[in-house]
Each structure stands twice: as C-alpha cells, then as structure tokens.
Amino acid sequence: MSSVILDQVAKQRESLKEFLQDSMSQLSRQCARNMDNVSGLEALLKYHMSQSTYCKNLWVLDHTAHQLTATISKKKLLEEQRGRDRIARPYMQRALTGEKFYLSDAYISRNRKQPTLTSVQTILDEDGRTMGYLGADFDLRKLPHTAKLNLDKQGWLQMKGDPAIRGGLFAQQRIVSAMDEKIDDVLTLIHELIIAHGVFHAKLHFSSSRATLWLVDSPYNYQILNIDELTDASVCLAFPKRQYFQQATVPKKKVGKVFKQFKKLRFADETIYLRSASLNIVNAKVGLNFSCDGSHYVSYDEFLQKDNSFWFGVN
C-alpha cells in the first residue's frame, strides 16, 4: 500500500477513534454497575443497540476475556456466544496490554464478508481495576467518513507481473499488430481527441489494436475503439468538441511528446517492448505495461526525461 493511502487510512482511523471512544467509555461505565447481573448487562446492551446508528454487535467479556453476555445485534441475540474465549483475538491482545480503548484494523467479517472494525473498551471499577471488556463491531459502510481523498502525491510505482510471463520472456518476440502498421495515424487521432474532444484518459493497447477512452462528458463510462475506428479521422465527428480540459495538469504541447515516446518504446526492442500505455491529463500519470508483464506508473514529466537507455539499458 502506498504511503499516500497509508496516511489517509491513519487519518480516518484517528477520526473514527475520536468519534467512537466517548460513547464506548460512557457505556462501559454503565456496564461496570451490572457486571454481576448478566441479564441486566444484556438489557443495557439491547437498549444501546436500539439507539445506535452505526453499531453492528455488542458484547461484554469478563476480566479473563471470556464472554459474559450473548452477542447483541439489532435483530437477534447470539446466545451461543456466552462463554466464548476471545483471548486469542488480535483486538484482545492489545486490550490485555493495558490499552483502555482499542480500535482494530479493518478486516473482512467471517459471516457477512464485509469490511468490519472491532473496538474494545476496558471496563473499570471505581478504583480503576479491570472488571472486564466491552466489545463492539462496526460495519465500515455505516461509519461516518471524514477523510478527503487525495492521491495526487503518489510517486513512481513499479509492479512486477506474472512470473510465468517473465520466465518465458526471451522465448517470445513482438508480432507486428494492426496498430503497429498504422501507429502514426492512431496516435494523431488520440492526440486530437484529447486536445479538442474532451478525452482526459486514454489507454492504447498496441498488441490487441484497440484503445480505451474516458471523456469529461461521461467520466463513469469508457469507450472502446477498434483499429478501424482508430484509423478513421471521421471518428472525431462522433465526439463533441471540447476545449482542452481545464483541470488538466499536462500542458497541451506535452501530449504529443508523450505519444512519441510511446512509439519509441513500442519499437525499440523486439523482445522487451511496450504492450500498452496510458496517459491521464488530469493526474498527469503515464501508465506502461511491457512484454515482461512489468508495469510502471509515473508522472508525465519524469517519463519524458527518460530515454531508451533507462528502459532497456541501451542507446
């Protein structure tokens, strides 16, 4: 996971901890007054559950991490959970080290197969001694989300692909595709669609002779053009005329240079060659997939700084 994503996760976790900790602490104090009365604990948890928007399950453990109550949900009581030993669960290991409130990492729940969080609040007596633990499960879908999505800071990413493809790399050779034979026409057409017809993300599949396009007018749908369409200039008539996208961070004059470099990488070597490539003018990212099944995601300006010697070790 990238450092940008990890930072976003950490910020959201801190926000959720602040949001949940106060209510868990209040409920734990009410539980402390009923630790000798299981039916009273269950009645308390039922009431709290009926008032909660976000909670999926509630339960109380004794000081040895054995479950005192049934597991309480909005719809039912799982009475068979009484007596369950939860000491080996990861969230309990943290609670047993002395943390008064702990919020687990997200995990996929066993039954509903959905992202879930579990929090554990230590139940203390008036002298601050541990009486037990209040546990709560939360469906990640229902918890409030406050983190802002900000992925612009992602740097160069390199990913290895299928080892089977890499292992047989030198037994293969580039086969001239229909797009290879008309590559100048294809790149000119895609360039025009980006500059004047509202395409903000284009992916060229050189080996299979097709392109996938995303347009500002319909960003949630993509268009697939085959080689016949990619070599017919009249295709431009099918796309509305649009000024170069105002949110673009790639200068217009650089788009053609990126495409020229795509062409070089496609024809530079007969064994290690570019299979597909993409350009997104909004996040300024170039995506590359080579015949070795290795993939790179890099900013357009870094991409333009690299020549063939960087990619292939030759001039």
C-alpha atoms as a PDB file:
ATOM      1  CA  MET A   1       0.000   0.000   0.000  1.00  0.00           C
ATOM      2  CA  SER A   2       1.393   3.417  -0.938  1.00  0.00           C
ATOM      3  CA  SER A   3       2.424   5.931   1.709  1.00  0.00           C
ATOM      4  CA  VAL A   4      -0.328   8.293   0.484  1.00  0.00           C
ATOM      5  CA  ILE A   5      -3.022   5.667   1.056  1.00  0.00           C
ATOM      6  CA  LEU A   6      -1.499   4.732   4.419  1.00  0.00           C
ATOM      7  CA  ASP A   7      -1.608   8.377   5.501  1.00  0.00           C
ATOM      8  CA  GLN A   8      -5.278   8.593   4.515  1.00  0.00           C
ATOM      9  CA  VAL A   9      -6.053   5.390   6.438  1.00  0.00           C
ATOM     10  CA  ALA A  10      -4.258   6.686   9.541  1.00  0.00           C
ATOM     11  CA  LYS A  11      -6.161   9.989   9.467  1.00  0.00           C
ATOM     12  CA  GLN A  12      -9.516   8.260   9.076  1.00  0.00           C
ATOM     13  CA  ARG A  13      -8.714   5.830  11.913  1.00  0.00           C
ATOM     14  CA  GLU A  14      -7.898   8.736  14.244  1.00  0.00           C
ATOM     15  CA  SER A  15     -11.164  10.410  13.312  1.00  0.00           C
ATOM     16  CA  LEU A  16     -13.130   7.227  13.987  1.00  0.00           C
ATOM     17  CA  LYS A  17     -11.352   6.670  17.326  1.00  0.00           C
ATOM     18  CA  GLU A  18     -12.364  10.140  18.488  1.00  0.00           C
ATOM     19  CA  PHE A  19     -15.905   9.539  17.274  1.00  0.00           C
ATOM     20  CA  LEU A  20     -16.333   6.136  18.970  1.00  0.00           C
ATOM     21  CA  GLN A  21     -14.277   6.418  22.129  1.00  0.00           C
ATOM     22  CA  ASP A  22     -16.559   8.734  24.070  1.00  0.00           C
ATOM     23  CA  SER A  23     -19.719   6.642  23.579  1.00  0.00           C
ATOM     24  CA  MET A  24     -17.838   3.400  24.342  1.00  0.00           C
ATOM     25  CA  SER A  25     -16.429   4.901  27.531  1.00  0.00           C
ATOM     26  CA  GLN A  26     -19.877   6.034  28.700  1.00  0.00           C
ATOM     27  CA  LEU A  27     -21.399   2.632  28.008  1.00  0.00           C
ATOM     28  CA  SER A  28     -18.552   0.850  29.796  1.00  0.00           C
ATOM     29  CA  ARG A  29     -19.289   2.849  32.980  1.00  0.00           C
ATOM     30  CA  GLN A  30     -22.897   1.690  32.843  1.00  0.00           C
ATOM     31  CA  CYS A  31     -21.702  -1.879  32.299  1.00  0.00           C
ATOM     32  CA  ALA A  32     -19.480  -1.635  35.402  1.00  0.00           C
ATOM     33  CA  ARG A  33     -22.591  -1.303  37.565  1.00  0.00           C
ATOM     34  CA  ASN A  34     -24.058  -4.542  36.139  1.00  0.00           C
ATOM     35  CA  MET A  35     -21.092  -6.917  35.907  1.00  0.00           C
ATOM     36  CA  ASP A  36     -22.701  -9.296  38.402  1.00  0.00           C
ATOM     37  CA  ASN A  37     -26.005  -9.273  36.524  1.00  0.00           C
ATOM     38  CA  VAL A  38     -25.814 -10.843  33.057  1.00  0.00           C
ATOM     39  CA  SER A  39     -29.486 -10.212  32.261  1.00  0.00           C
ATOM     40  CA  GLY A  40     -29.031  -6.588  33.292  1.00  0.00           C
ATOM     41  CA  LEU A  41     -25.979  -6.278  31.035  1.00  0.00           C
ATOM     42  CA  GLU A  42     -27.870  -7.739  28.105  1.00  0.00           C
ATOM     43  CA  ALA A  43     -30.827  -5.409  28.674  1.00  0.00           C
ATOM     44  CA  LEU A  44     -28.401  -2.463  28.729  1.00  0.00           C
ATOM     45  CA  LEU A  45     -26.702  -3.578  25.504  1.00  0.00           C
ATOM     46  CA  LYS A  46     -30.070  -4.133  23.816  1.00  0.00           C
ATOM     47  CA  TYR A  47     -31.169  -0.607  24.674  1.00  0.00           C
ATOM     48  CA  HIS A  48     -27.907   0.903  23.484  1.00  0.00           C
ATOM     49  CA  MET A  49     -28.116  -1.106  20.272  1.00  0.00           C
ATOM     50  CA  SER A  50     -31.630   0.168  19.603  1.00  0.00           C
ATOM     51  CA  GLN A  51     -30.320   3.746  19.844  1.00  0.00           C
ATOM     52  CA  SER A  52     -27.180   3.224  17.778  1.00  0.00           C
ATOM     53  CA  THR A  53     -26.923   4.007  14.078  1.00  0.00           C
ATOM     54  CA  TYR A  54     -23.504   2.547  13.466  1.00  0.00           C
ATOM     55  CA  CYS A  55     -23.011  -0.456  15.749  1.00  0.00           C
ATOM     56  CA  LYS A  56     -23.407  -3.996  14.377  1.00  0.00           C
ATOM     57  CA  ASN A  57     -22.745  -6.119  17.502  1.00  0.00           C
ATOM     58  CA  LEU A  58     -22.175  -5.557  21.217  1.00  0.00           C
ATOM     59  CA  TRP A  59     -20.817  -7.947  23.866  1.00  0.00           C
ATOM     60  CA  VAL A  60     -19.213  -7.929  27.304  1.00  0.00           C
ATOM     61  CA  LEU A  61     -16.300 -10.101  28.489  1.00  0.00           C
ATOM     62  CA  ASP A  62     -15.054 -10.788  31.991  1.00  0.00           C
ATOM     63  CA  HIS A  63     -11.511  -9.901  33.072  1.00  0.00           C
ATOM     64  CA  THR A  64     -10.179 -13.155  31.585  1.00  0.00           C
ATOM     65  CA  ALA A  65     -11.662 -12.315  28.142  1.00  0.00           C
ATOM     66  CA  HIS A  66     -14.433 -14.923  28.365  1.00  0.00           C
ATOM     67  CA  GLN A  67     -17.755 -13.655  27.080  1.00  0.00           C
ATOM     68  CA  LEU A  68     -20.369 -12.946  29.758  1.00  0.00           C
ATOM     69  CA  THR A  69     -23.277 -11.863  27.585  1.00  0.00           C
ATOM     70  CA  ALA A  70     -24.814 -13.038  24.390  1.00  0.00           C
ATOM     71  CA  THR A  71     -23.650 -11.157  21.293  1.00  0.00           C
ATOM     72  CA  ILE A  72     -26.295  -8.474  20.800  1.00  0.00           C
ATOM     73  CA  SER A  73     -27.281  -7.238  17.344  1.00  0.00           C
ATOM     74  CA  LYS A  74     -30.301  -5.226  16.245  1.00  0.00           C
ATOM     75  CA  LYS A  75     -32.174  -8.300  15.056  1.00  0.00           C
ATOM     76  CA  LYS A  76     -31.136 -11.118  17.387  1.00  0.00           C
ATOM     77  CA  LEU A  77     -29.185 -12.403  20.356  1.00  0.00           C
ATOM     78  CA  LEU A  78     -26.481 -14.958  19.681  1.00  0.00           C
ATOM     79  CA  GLU A  79     -26.849 -16.784  22.969  1.00  0.00           C
ATOM     80  CA  GLU A  80     -24.386 -19.490  21.970  1.00  0.00           C
ATOM     81  CA  GLN A  81     -21.643 -16.853  22.196  1.00  0.00           C
ATOM     82  CA  ARG A  82     -21.853 -16.792  26.005  1.00  0.00           C
ATOM     83  CA  GLY A  83     -18.702 -18.321  27.453  1.00  0.00           C
ATOM     84  CA  ARG A  84     -16.715 -17.802  24.256  1.00  0.00           C
ATOM     85  CA  ASP A  85     -12.982 -17.352  24.856  1.00  0.00           C
ATOM     86  CA  ARG A  86     -11.827 -14.292  22.917  1.00  0.00           C
ATOM     87  CA  ILE A  87      -8.363 -14.014  24.453  1.00  0.00           C
ATOM     88  CA  ALA A  88      -6.606 -15.069  21.251  1.00  0.00           C
ATOM     89  CA  ARG A  89      -8.313 -12.440  19.108  1.00  0.00           C
ATOM     90  CA  PRO A  90      -5.892  -9.684  17.933  1.00  0.00           C
ATOM     91  CA  TYR A  91      -8.010  -6.867  19.395  1.00  0.00           C
ATOM     92  CA  MET A  92      -7.940  -8.552  22.808  1.00  0.00           C
ATOM     93  CA  GLN A  93      -4.167  -8.866  22.760  1.00  0.00           C
ATOM     94  CA  ARG A  94      -3.931  -5.093  22.567  1.00  0.00           C
ATOM     95  CA  ALA A  95      -6.548  -4.571  25.256  1.00  0.00           C
ATOM     96  CA  LEU A  96      -4.783  -7.001  27.586  1.00  0.00           C
ATOM     97  CA  THR A  97      -1.575  -4.966  27.382  1.00  0.00           C
ATOM     98  CA  GLY A  98      -3.344  -2.135  29.192  1.00  0.00           C
ATOM     99  CA  GLU A  99      -4.866  -0.012  26.420  1.00  0.00           C
ATOM    100  CA  LYS A 100      -8.141   1.346  27.765  1.00  0.00           C
ATOM    101  CA  PHE A 101      -9.625   1.766  24.294  1.00  0.00           C
ATOM    102  CA  TYR A 102      -8.519  -0.023  21.158  1.00  0.00           C
ATOM    103  CA  LEU A 103      -9.837   0.162  17.605  1.00  0.00           C
ATOM    104  CA  SER A 104      -8.803  -2.743  15.407  1.00  0.00           C
ATOM    105  CA  ASP A 105      -7.570  -2.604  11.850  1.00  0.00           C
ATOM    106  CA  ALA A 106     -10.288  -3.234   9.291  1.00  0.00           C
ATOM    107  CA  TYR A 107     -10.872  -6.895   8.405  1.00  0.00           C
ATOM    108  CA  ILE A 108     -13.353  -8.913   6.350  1.00  0.00           C
ATOM    109  CA  SER A 109     -16.045 -10.372   8.613  1.00  0.00           C
ATOM    110  CA  ARG A 110     -16.483 -14.150   8.567  1.00  0.00           C
ATOM    111  CA  ASN A 111     -20.248 -14.230   8.105  1.00  0.00           C
ATOM    112  CA  ARG A 112     -21.241 -11.186   6.053  1.00  0.00           C
ATOM    113  CA  LYS A 113     -17.905 -10.889   4.182  1.00  0.00           C
ATOM    114  CA  GLN A 114     -17.823  -7.119   4.640  1.00  0.00           C
ATOM    115  CA  PRO A 115     -15.109  -4.727   5.913  1.00  0.00           C
ATOM    116  CA  THR A 116     -15.506  -4.505   9.685  1.00  0.00           C
ATOM    117  CA  LEU A 117     -13.874  -2.794  12.669  1.00  0.00           C
ATOM    118  CA  THR A 118     -13.897  -4.021  16.269  1.00  0.00           C
ATOM    119  CA  SER A 119     -13.357  -1.750  19.257  1.00  0.00           C
ATOM    120  CA  VAL A 120     -12.658  -2.831  22.829  1.00  0.00           C
ATOM    121  CA  GLN A 121     -13.170  -0.610  25.865  1.00  0.00           C
ATOM    122  CA  THR A 122     -11.841  -1.744  29.243  1.00  0.00           C
ATOM    123  CA  ILE A 123     -14.496  -1.786  31.983  1.00  0.00           C
ATOM    124  CA  LEU A 124     -13.056  -0.414  35.225  1.00  0.00           C
ATOM    125  CA  ASP A 125     -14.321  -0.349  38.788  1.00  0.00           C
ATOM    126  CA  GLU A 126     -14.258   2.791  40.950  1.00  0.00           C
ATOM    127  CA  ASP A 127     -10.642   2.083  41.917  1.00  0.00           C
ATOM    128  CA  GLY A 128      -9.510   1.760  38.317  1.00  0.00           C
ATOM    129  CA  ARG A 129      -9.165  -2.027  38.337  1.00  0.00           C
ATOM    130  CA  THR A 130     -10.142  -4.064  35.295  1.00  0.00           C
ATOM    131  CA  MET A 131     -13.518  -5.767  35.641  1.00  0.00           C
ATOM    132  CA  GLY A 132     -13.938  -6.821  32.033  1.00  0.00           C
ATOM    133  CA  TYR A 133     -14.175  -5.569  28.475  1.00  0.00           C
ATOM    134  CA  LEU A 134     -16.897  -4.049  26.328  1.00  0.00           C
ATOM    135  CA  GLY A 135     -16.637  -5.064  22.686  1.00  0.00           C
ATOM    136  CA  ALA A 136     -18.368  -3.623  19.644  1.00  0.00           C
ATOM    137  CA  ASP A 137     -18.299  -4.492  15.947  1.00  0.00           C
ATOM    138  CA  PHE A 138     -18.916  -1.823  13.323  1.00  0.00           C
ATOM    139  CA  ASP A 139     -19.812  -2.207   9.665  1.00  0.00           C
ATOM    140  CA  LEU A 140     -17.337   0.023   7.834  1.00  0.00           C
ATOM    141  CA  ARG A 141     -20.032   1.015   5.335  1.00  0.00           C
ATOM    142  CA  LYS A 142     -22.131   2.642   8.042  1.00  0.00           C
ATOM    143  CA  LEU A 143     -19.448   4.575   9.896  1.00  0.00           C
ATOM    144  CA  PRO A 144     -19.050   8.268   9.016  1.00  0.00           C
ATOM    145  CA  HIS A 145     -16.192   9.044   6.662  1.00  0.00           C
ATOM    146  CA  THR A 146     -14.280  12.288   7.105  1.00  0.00           C
ATOM    147  CA  ALA A 147     -11.019  11.697   5.257  1.00  0.00           C
ATOM    148  CA  LYS A 148     -10.583  13.555   1.980  1.00  0.00           C
ATOM    149  CA  LEU A 149      -9.378  11.515  -0.970  1.00  0.00           C
ATOM    150  CA  ASN A 150      -6.025  12.924  -2.030  1.00  0.00           C
ATOM    151  CA  LEU A 151      -3.960  10.635  -4.217  1.00  0.00           C
ATOM    152  CA  ASP A 152      -2.092  13.315  -6.178  1.00  0.00           C
ATOM    153  CA  LYS A 153       1.161  12.772  -4.287  1.00  0.00           C
ATOM    154  CA  GLN A 154       1.710   9.226  -5.470  1.00  0.00           C
ATOM    155  CA  GLY A 155       5.161   8.893  -6.991  1.00  0.00           C
ATOM    156  CA  TRP A 156       6.660   6.404  -9.412  1.00  0.00           C
ATOM    157  CA  LEU A 157       5.172   2.944  -8.970  1.00  0.00           C
ATOM    158  CA  GLN A 158       6.732  -0.181 -10.435  1.00  0.00           C
ATOM    159  CA  MET A 159       4.946  -3.534 -10.267  1.00  0.00           C
ATOM    160  CA  LYS A 160       6.102  -6.964 -11.333  1.00  0.00           C
ATOM    161  CA  GLY A 161       3.624  -9.050 -13.258  1.00  0.00           C
ATOM    162  CA  ASP A 162       3.077 -12.742 -13.936  1.00  0.00           C
ATOM    163  CA  PRO A 163       6.289 -14.737 -13.184  1.00  0.00           C
ATOM    164  CA  ALA A 164       5.339 -17.224 -15.905  1.00  0.00           C
ATOM    165  CA  ILE A 165       5.470 -14.447 -18.498  1.00  0.00           C
ATOM    166  CA  ARG A 166       8.752 -13.113 -17.155  1.00  0.00           C
ATOM    167  CA  GLY A 167      10.249 -16.605 -17.178  1.00  0.00           C
ATOM    168  CA  GLY A 168       9.478 -17.096 -20.854  1.00  0.00           C
ATOM    169  CA  LEU A 169      10.402 -13.565 -21.901  1.00  0.00           C
ATOM    170  CA  PHE A 170      13.330 -14.408 -24.195  1.00  0.00           C
ATOM    171  CA  ALA A 171      11.357 -17.103 -25.979  1.00  0.00           C
ATOM    172  CA  GLN A 172       8.941 -14.502 -27.340  1.00  0.00           C
ATOM    173  CA  GLN A 173       9.150 -11.824 -29.991  1.00  0.00           C
ATOM    174  CA  ARG A 174       6.967  -8.868 -30.862  1.00  0.00           C
ATOM    175  CA  ILE A 175       4.445  -9.647 -33.572  1.00  0.00           C
ATOM    176  CA  VAL A 176       3.511  -6.677 -35.736  1.00  0.00           C
ATOM    177  CA  SER A 177      -0.050  -5.680 -34.886  1.00  0.00           C
ATOM    178  CA  ALA A 178      -2.568  -3.779 -36.963  1.00  0.00           C
ATOM    179  CA  MET A 179      -1.979  -0.783 -34.722  1.00  0.00           C
ATOM    180  CA  ASP A 180       1.778  -1.000 -35.297  1.00  0.00           C
ATOM    181  CA  GLU A 181       1.212  -0.685 -39.034  1.00  0.00           C
ATOM    182  CA  LYS A 182      -0.866   2.471 -38.584  1.00  0.00           C
ATOM    183  CA  ILE A 183       0.662   3.807 -35.390  1.00  0.00           C
ATOM    184  CA  ASP A 184       1.209   7.391 -36.603  1.00  0.00           C
ATOM    185  CA  ASP A 185      -2.424   7.696 -37.671  1.00  0.00           C
ATOM    186  CA  VAL A 186      -3.631   6.178 -34.402  1.00  0.00           C
ATOM    187  CA  LEU A 187      -1.526   8.438 -32.199  1.00  0.00           C
ATOM    188  CA  THR A 188      -2.560  11.503 -34.192  1.00  0.00           C
ATOM    189  CA  LEU A 189      -6.246  10.636 -33.752  1.00  0.00           C
ATOM    190  CA  ILE A 190      -5.949  10.018 -29.993  1.00  0.00           C
ATOM    191  CA  HIS A 191      -3.988  13.256 -29.658  1.00  0.00           C
ATOM    192  CA  GLU A 192      -6.824  15.118 -31.386  1.00  0.00           C
ATOM    193  CA  LEU A 193      -9.478  13.517 -29.167  1.00  0.00           C
ATOM    194  CA  ILE A 194      -7.579  14.618 -26.054  1.00  0.00           C
ATOM    195  CA  ILE A 195      -6.838  18.146 -27.244  1.00  0.00           C
ATOM    196  CA  ALA A 196     -10.199  19.001 -28.811  1.00  0.00           C
ATOM    197  CA  HIS A 197     -12.844  16.422 -27.914  1.00  0.00           C
ATOM    198  CA  GLY A 198     -12.857  16.009 -24.136  1.00  0.00           C
ATOM    199  CA  VAL A 199     -10.882  12.776 -23.675  1.00  0.00           C
ATOM    200  CA  PHE A 200      -8.962  13.066 -20.388  1.00  0.00           C
ATOM    201  CA  HIS A 201      -7.693   9.478 -20.071  1.00  0.00           C
ATOM    202  CA  ALA A 202      -6.608   7.293 -22.971  1.00  0.00           C
ATOM    203  CA  LYS A 203      -5.151   3.785 -22.886  1.00  0.00           C
ATOM    204  CA  LEU A 204      -3.599   2.319 -26.019  1.00  0.00           C
ATOM    205  CA  HIS A 205      -3.448  -1.469 -26.343  1.00  0.00           C
ATOM    206  CA  PHE A 206      -0.782  -1.822 -29.023  1.00  0.00           C
ATOM    207  CA  SER A 207      -0.720  -5.623 -29.173  1.00  0.00           C
ATOM    208  CA  SER A 208      -4.513  -6.023 -29.421  1.00  0.00           C
ATOM    209  CA  SER A 209      -5.004  -2.891 -31.578  1.00  0.00           C
ATOM    210  CA  ARG A 210      -7.634  -1.073 -29.552  1.00  0.00           C
ATOM    211  CA  ALA A 211      -7.949   1.966 -27.312  1.00  0.00           C
ATOM    212  CA  THR A 212      -9.978   2.686 -24.186  1.00  0.00           C
ATOM    213  CA  LEU A 213     -11.074   6.286 -23.643  1.00  0.00           C
ATOM    214  CA  TRP A 214     -12.644   8.237 -20.784  1.00  0.00           C
ATOM    215  CA  LEU A 215     -14.419  11.522 -21.594  1.00  0.00           C
ATOM    216  CA  VAL A 216     -15.181  14.548 -19.430  1.00  0.00           C
ATOM    217  CA  ASP A 217     -18.803  14.420 -20.600  1.00  0.00           C
ATOM    218  CA  SER A 218     -19.272  10.882 -19.260  1.00  0.00           C
ATOM    219  CA  PRO A 219     -16.445  10.070 -16.835  1.00  0.00           C
ATOM    220  CA  TYR A 220     -18.138   6.969 -15.399  1.00  0.00           C
ATOM    221  CA  ASN A 221     -18.279   5.225 -18.768  1.00  0.00           C
ATOM    222  CA  TYR A 222     -15.474   4.357 -21.120  1.00  0.00           C
ATOM    223  CA  GLN A 223     -15.433   3.989 -24.876  1.00  0.00           C
ATOM    224  CA  ILE A 224     -13.573   1.234 -26.742  1.00  0.00           C
ATOM    225  CA  LEU A 225     -12.355   1.972 -30.253  1.00  0.00           C
ATOM    226  CA  ASN A 226     -11.164  -0.814 -32.580  1.00  0.00           C
ATOM    227  CA  ILE A 227      -8.447  -0.437 -35.170  1.00  0.00           C
ATOM    228  CA  ASP A 228     -10.877   0.520 -37.944  1.00  0.00           C
ATOM    229  CA  GLU A 229     -12.217   3.367 -35.835  1.00  0.00           C
ATOM    230  CA  LEU A 230      -8.738   4.404 -34.695  1.00  0.00           C
ATOM    231  CA  THR A 231      -7.594   4.857 -38.281  1.00  0.00           C
ATOM    232  CA  ASP A 232     -10.637   6.777 -39.478  1.00  0.00           C
ATOM    233  CA  ALA A 233     -10.394  10.527 -38.861  1.00  0.00           C
ATOM    234  CA  SER A 234     -14.164  10.877 -39.231  1.00  0.00           C
ATOM    235  CA  VAL A 235     -14.495   9.247 -35.793  1.00  0.00           C
ATOM    236  CA  CYS A 236     -13.859  12.732 -34.387  1.00  0.00           C
ATOM    237  CA  LEU A 237     -17.357  13.661 -35.564  1.00  0.00           C
ATOM    238  CA  ALA A 238     -18.796  11.206 -33.017  1.00  0.00           C
ATOM    239  CA  PHE A 239     -17.256  13.114 -30.091  1.00  0.00           C
ATOM    240  CA  PRO A 240     -18.431  16.601 -29.033  1.00  0.00           C
ATOM    241  CA  LYS A 241     -15.924  19.399 -29.459  1.00  0.00           C
ATOM    242  CA  ARG A 242     -14.470  20.483 -26.130  1.00  0.00           C
ATOM    243  CA  GLN A 243     -11.809  22.923 -25.042  1.00  0.00           C
ATOM    244  CA  TYR A 244      -8.740  21.314 -23.519  1.00  0.00           C
ATOM    245  CA  PHE A 245      -9.921  20.178 -20.098  1.00  0.00           C
ATOM    246  CA  GLN A 246      -9.491  22.989 -17.568  1.00  0.00           C
ATOM    247  CA  GLN A 247      -8.480  20.538 -14.857  1.00  0.00           C
ATOM    248  CA  ALA A 248      -5.658  19.150 -16.979  1.00  0.00           C
ATOM    249  CA  THR A 249      -2.193  19.336 -15.406  1.00  0.00           C
ATOM    250  CA  VAL A 250      -0.363  18.151 -18.525  1.00  0.00           C
ATOM    251  CA  PRO A 251       0.388  21.063 -20.892  1.00  0.00           C
ATOM    252  CA  LYS A 252      -1.161  20.607 -24.334  1.00  0.00           C
ATOM    253  CA  LYS A 253       2.195  20.726 -26.075  1.00  0.00           C
ATOM    254  CA  LYS A 254       3.443  17.798 -23.973  1.00  0.00           C
ATOM    255  CA  VAL A 255       0.698  15.362 -25.002  1.00  0.00           C
ATOM    256  CA  GLY A 256       2.218  14.748 -28.425  1.00  0.00           C
ATOM    257  CA  LYS A 257       5.679  14.272 -26.877  1.00  0.00           C
ATOM    258  CA  VAL A 258       4.323  11.588 -24.559  1.00  0.00           C
ATOM    259  CA  PHE A 259       2.825   9.760 -27.539  1.00  0.00           C
ATOM    260  CA  LYS A 260       6.102   9.966 -29.479  1.00  0.00           C
ATOM    261  CA  GLN A 261       7.838   8.299 -26.552  1.00  0.00           C
ATOM    262  CA  PHE A 262       5.168   5.573 -26.538  1.00  0.00           C
ATOM    263  CA  LYS A 263       6.041   4.857 -30.158  1.00  0.00           C
ATOM    264  CA  LYS A 264       9.749   4.652 -29.377  1.00  0.00           C
ATOM    265  CA  LEU A 265       9.160   2.183 -26.561  1.00  0.00           C
ATOM    266  CA  ARG A 266       6.909   0.075 -28.764  1.00  0.00           C
ATOM    267  CA  PHE A 267       9.558  -0.362 -31.486  1.00  0.00           C
ATOM    268  CA  ALA A 268      12.816  -0.077 -29.500  1.00  0.00           C
ATOM    269  CA  ASP A 269      13.302  -3.822 -28.995  1.00  0.00           C
ATOM    270  CA  GLU A 270      11.769  -6.952 -30.455  1.00  0.00           C
ATOM    271  CA  THR A 271      11.783  -8.864 -27.139  1.00  0.00           C
ATOM    272  CA  ILE A 272      11.159  -6.236 -24.488  1.00  0.00           C
ATOM    273  CA  TYR A 273       8.548  -3.892 -25.874  1.00  0.00           C
ATOM    274  CA  LEU A 274       5.566  -1.813 -24.814  1.00  0.00           C
ATOM    275  CA  ARG A 275       2.298  -3.758 -24.856  1.00  0.00           C
ATOM    276  CA  SER A 276       0.017  -0.980 -23.626  1.00  0.00           C
ATOM    277  CA  ALA A 277       0.318   2.590 -22.394  1.00  0.00           C
ATOM    278  CA  SER A 278      -1.967   5.241 -20.962  1.00  0.00           C
ATOM    279  CA  LEU A 279      -2.000   8.965 -20.308  1.00  0.00           C
ATOM    280  CA  ASN A 280      -4.256  10.787 -17.863  1.00  0.00           C
ATOM    281  CA  ILE A 281      -4.028  14.548 -18.350  1.00  0.00           C
ATOM    282  CA  VAL A 282      -5.713  15.310 -15.008  1.00  0.00           C
ATOM    283  CA  ASN A 283      -3.473  13.405 -12.588  1.00  0.00           C
ATOM    284  CA  ALA A 284      -0.567  13.702 -15.078  1.00  0.00           C
ATOM    285  CA  LYS A 285       0.166   9.992 -14.896  1.00  0.00           C
ATOM    286  CA  VAL A 286       1.597   7.753 -17.585  1.00  0.00           C
ATOM    287  CA  GLY A 287       0.948   4.018 -17.296  1.00  0.00           C
ATOM    288  CA  LEU A 288       3.164   1.477 -19.057  1.00  0.00           C
ATOM    289  CA  ASN A 289       2.907  -2.284 -19.424  1.00  0.00           C
ATOM    290  CA  PHE A 290       5.778  -4.147 -21.077  1.00  0.00           C
ATOM    291  CA  SER A 291       6.117  -7.569 -22.683  1.00  0.00           C
ATOM    292  CA  CYS A 292       7.777  -8.849 -19.484  1.00  0.00           C
ATOM    293  CA  ASP A 293       4.452  -8.004 -17.785  1.00  0.00           C
ATOM    294  CA  GLY A 294       6.123  -5.329 -15.698  1.00  0.00           C
ATOM    295  CA  SER A 295       4.071  -2.179 -15.122  1.00  0.00           C
ATOM    296  CA  HIS A 296       5.097   1.391 -14.324  1.00  0.00           C
ATOM    297  CA  TYR A 297       3.050   4.408 -13.236  1.00  0.00           C
ATOM    298  CA  VAL A 298       4.993   7.658 -13.461  1.00  0.00           C
ATOM    299  CA  SER A 299       4.363  11.387 -13.864  1.00  0.00           C
ATOM    300  CA  TYR A 300       4.460  12.553 -17.473  1.00  0.00           C
ATOM    301  CA  ASP A 301       7.438  14.892 -16.897  1.00  0.00           C
ATOM    302  CA  GLU A 302       9.576  12.139 -15.344  1.00  0.00           C
ATOM    303  CA  PHE A 303       8.553   9.871 -18.200  1.00  0.00           C
ATOM    304  CA  LEU A 304       9.717  12.396 -20.796  1.00  0.00           C
ATOM    305  CA  GLN A 305      13.077  12.735 -19.063  1.00  0.00           C
ATOM    306  CA  LYS A 306      13.910   9.050 -19.593  1.00  0.00           C
ATOM    307  CA  ASP A 307      15.335   7.787 -22.860  1.00  0.00           C
ATOM    308  CA  ASN A 308      15.654   4.225 -24.178  1.00  0.00           C
ATOM    309  CA  SER A 309      18.841   3.603 -22.216  1.00  0.00           C
ATOM    310  CA  PHE A 310      16.843   3.917 -18.999  1.00  0.00           C
ATOM    311  CA  TRP A 311      14.233   1.356 -20.049  1.00  0.00           C
ATOM    312  CA  PHE A 312      16.412  -1.107 -21.933  1.00  0.00           C
ATOM    313  CA  GLY A 313      19.984  -0.354 -20.895  1.00  0.00           C
ATOM    314  CA  VAL A 314      20.918   0.553 -24.498  1.00  0.00           C
ATOM    315  CA  ASN A 315      21.097   3.761 -26.535  1.00  0.00           C
END
